[in-house]
């Protein structure tokens, strides 16, 4: 991953995509890196946001979990 991006979550691909969509709807840059094995479907997807948006992104995701 490029400098300036921080991993805020490692989870299943579906959950990462959903949380990425939530952040993008709130105008937070977010990307999902799929590190799941394509043959055996083990591993996780990682959600990254820019370093200056980490706190806001975590707050938004915490609101959605409450």
C-alpha atoms as a PDB file:
ATOM      1  CA  UNK A   1       0.000   0.000   0.000  1.00  0.00           C
ATOM      2  CA  UNK A   2       1.201   3.505  -0.705  1.00  0.00           C
ATOM      3  CA  UNK A   3       2.472   5.797   2.033  1.00  0.00           C
ATOM      4  CA  UNK A   4      -0.160   7.783   3.861  1.00  0.00           C
ATOM      5  CA  UNK A   5      -2.800   5.020   3.918  1.00  0.00           C
ATOM      6  CA  UNK A   6      -3.699   3.189   7.127  1.00  0.00           C
ATOM      7  CA  UNK A   7      -5.383  -0.195   7.554  1.00  0.00           C
ATOM      8  CA  UNK A   8      -8.388   0.262   9.835  1.00  0.00           C
ATOM      9  CA  UNK A   9     -10.041  -3.117   9.435  1.00  0.00           C
ATOM     10  CA  UNK A  10      -9.343  -6.712   8.382  1.00  0.00           C
ATOM     11  CA  UNK A  11     -12.458  -8.802   7.828  1.00  0.00           C
ATOM     12  CA  UNK A  12     -14.368 -10.772   5.207  1.00  0.00           C
ATOM     13  CA  UNK A  13     -14.605  -9.355   1.696  1.00  0.00           C
ATOM     14  CA  UNK A  14     -18.349  -8.663   1.935  1.00  0.00           C
ATOM     15  CA  UNK A  15     -18.028  -6.781   5.225  1.00  0.00           C
ATOM     16  CA  UNK A  16     -15.060  -4.777   3.961  1.00  0.00           C
ATOM     17  CA  UNK A  17     -16.956  -3.803   0.794  1.00  0.00           C
ATOM     18  CA  UNK A  18     -19.992  -2.746   2.835  1.00  0.00           C
ATOM     19  CA  UNK A  19     -17.948  -0.632   5.226  1.00  0.00           C
ATOM     20  CA  UNK A  20     -16.040   0.891   2.308  1.00  0.00           C
ATOM     21  CA  UNK A  21     -19.351   1.903   0.712  1.00  0.00           C
ATOM     22  CA  UNK A  22     -20.500   3.470   3.998  1.00  0.00           C
ATOM     23  CA  UNK A  23     -17.324   5.544   4.184  1.00  0.00           C
ATOM     24  CA  UNK A  24     -17.493   6.604   0.545  1.00  0.00           C
ATOM     25  CA  UNK A  25     -21.100   7.710   1.036  1.00  0.00           C
ATOM     26  CA  UNK A  26     -19.785  10.032   3.759  1.00  0.00           C
ATOM     27  CA  UNK A  27     -17.072  11.288   1.341  1.00  0.00           C
ATOM     28  CA  UNK A  28     -14.194   9.447   3.015  1.00  0.00           C
ATOM     29  CA  UNK A  29     -11.641   7.971   0.617  1.00  0.00           C
ATOM     30  CA  UNK A  30     -11.490   4.242   1.264  1.00  0.00           C
ATOM     31  CA  UNK A  31     -10.145   1.207  -0.570  1.00  0.00           C
ATOM     32  CA  UNK A  32     -10.390  -2.531  -0.032  1.00  0.00           C
ATOM     33  CA  UNK A  33      -7.390  -4.759  -0.645  1.00  0.00           C
ATOM     34  CA  UNK A  34      -8.493  -8.369  -1.079  1.00  0.00           C
ATOM     35  CA  UNK A  35      -5.949 -10.718   0.472  1.00  0.00           C
ATOM     36  CA  UNK A  36      -8.258 -13.713   0.337  1.00  0.00           C
ATOM     37  CA  UNK A  37      -7.027 -16.821  -1.450  1.00  0.00           C
ATOM     38  CA  UNK A  38      -9.125 -17.250  -4.579  1.00  0.00           C
ATOM     39  CA  UNK A  39      -8.983 -21.061  -4.582  1.00  0.00           C
ATOM     40  CA  UNK A  40      -9.644 -21.923  -0.957  1.00  0.00           C
ATOM     41  CA  UNK A  41     -11.315 -18.694   0.194  1.00  0.00           C
ATOM     42  CA  UNK A  42      -9.307 -18.217   3.360  1.00  0.00           C
ATOM     43  CA  UNK A  43      -7.735 -14.966   4.416  1.00  0.00           C
ATOM     44  CA  UNK A  44      -9.146 -11.493   4.824  1.00  0.00           C
ATOM     45  CA  UNK A  45      -9.829  -8.268   3.006  1.00  0.00           C
ATOM     46  CA  UNK A  46      -8.307  -5.095   4.411  1.00  0.00           C
ATOM     47  CA  UNK A  47      -9.922  -1.657   4.495  1.00  0.00           C
ATOM     48  CA  UNK A  48      -7.595   1.336   4.134  1.00  0.00           C
ATOM     49  CA  UNK A  49      -8.193   5.082   4.497  1.00  0.00           C
ATOM     50  CA  UNK A  50      -5.864   8.082   4.201  1.00  0.00           C
ATOM     51  CA  UNK A  51      -3.945   8.798   7.390  1.00  0.00           C
ATOM     52  CA  UNK A  52      -5.668  12.147   7.959  1.00  0.00           C
ATOM     53  CA  UNK A  53      -9.138  10.527   7.822  1.00  0.00           C
ATOM     54  CA  UNK A  54      -8.537   7.573  10.184  1.00  0.00           C
ATOM     55  CA  UNK A  55     -10.262   9.010  13.254  1.00  0.00           C
ATOM     56  CA  UNK A  56     -13.317  10.190  11.345  1.00  0.00           C
ATOM     57  CA  UNK A  57     -13.604   6.872   9.488  1.00  0.00           C
ATOM     58  CA  UNK A  58     -13.440   4.882  12.742  1.00  0.00           C
ATOM     59  CA  UNK A  59     -16.098   7.119  14.320  1.00  0.00           C
ATOM     60  CA  UNK A  60     -18.422   6.618  11.347  1.00  0.00           C
ATOM     61  CA  UNK A  61     -17.992   2.853  11.436  1.00  0.00           C
ATOM     62  CA  UNK A  62     -18.511   2.788  15.222  1.00  0.00           C
ATOM     63  CA  UNK A  63     -21.785   4.718  14.782  1.00  0.00           C
ATOM     64  CA  UNK A  64     -23.000   2.101  12.291  1.00  0.00           C
ATOM     65  CA  UNK A  65     -22.183  -0.761  14.696  1.00  0.00           C
ATOM     66  CA  UNK A  66     -24.022   0.764  17.666  1.00  0.00           C
END
